[in-house]
Amino acid sequence: MKNLDWDIYRCFMSVARTGGLTGAAQALGSSPATIGRRMLELEERTGRSLFLRSQTGYELTGDGELLFEQLQEMEAAARRVESWRREGEGATVRITVGTWIAWLLAENFPALCSERDGFSLAMTVGETRASLAYRETDIGIRAFEPEETYLAASPVGDVAYAAYRQKNAPAAANTRWVAVGEEEAISAYLRWPHQQAEGRIVATITRPRSLLDLARAGAGCAVLPCFVGDLDPMLERAGEEIPALRHRQWIVMNNEDRHRKEIRTVVDRMTKLLRSHADVFAGKRPRRG
């Protein structure tokens, strides 16, 4: 049997931890079909049955549990090597966040990292779920409390959503919508226009960040987090909060890394920043000046 690359083992570990293809696909930024094919390939190449498959998910067989335990040891060794490498080159704290939290962090960057700190930040922006299993990132933001036992989590309040339009736009503007294309609409708020305003979408884009620009330009209504829309002087709400989209927000980190000084520092600063915006995150609009 030829050597298997680490990527297929990563897929296996993610399926084992999430109990199915969908959760693993979200964690890895792939598709369930691709993950499923890779698991079949792994079983074929190892000559062992690793999963009991059912409608409720994937459960490890005895061979699967043995492989999982061995790979956990490999992960632990890799973490030690990575920590040793970082000590030699200066620490970098890697953060994975969605479009709008990235926007808020960038707006308040000095509150997270200054010239006096002995570390730098590397931020990955995307709508897929942050995966911390393989040390690809140190800190993530999730819309739900993680089930993975190797993760620590801290709640930082609710996030509310509403539709926004250009300020002082005519009422007719409520009939026009802008949205992220269906293939890229992987979050509930991005899917909402396709589900509730089908046939009234006048423009689609591939990146959520452009929704703000289109709404400002008067192209149509856009569903945005309230902490984005309510703070923008060029926008106004086109209706009430959309309750079905409200969710809790969590900062997550790996249990074994969370006590590292630079990670603890950044987590504490992120927590303070996000909690200071709790009211606007929750849709309680500030007064306009």
Foldseek 3Di string as FASTA:
>chain_A
DDDDDVVLVLLLLQQAQVQAQVRSCLQVVHHSVVSVVSQVVVCVVVVHDAWDDDPVGTYGDPVVVVSNVVVVVVLVVVVVVVVVVCVVPWAEAEEEEEDVVVVVCVVVVVLQDDPVDRYHYHYHYDDGFHHPSRPPHFKYKDQDDDPGPQKDKDWQAKWWKAKKAFPPDDLVLAQAEEAADPVQQPAPQRCVCCVPNPPRYPYHDHGPVCRVVCRLVGRHIGMDTQLVQLPDPRMDGSDDIDVVRMTIMMMMGGPVCCPPPSNVSNVVSSSVSSNVCRCSRVPNHDDDD
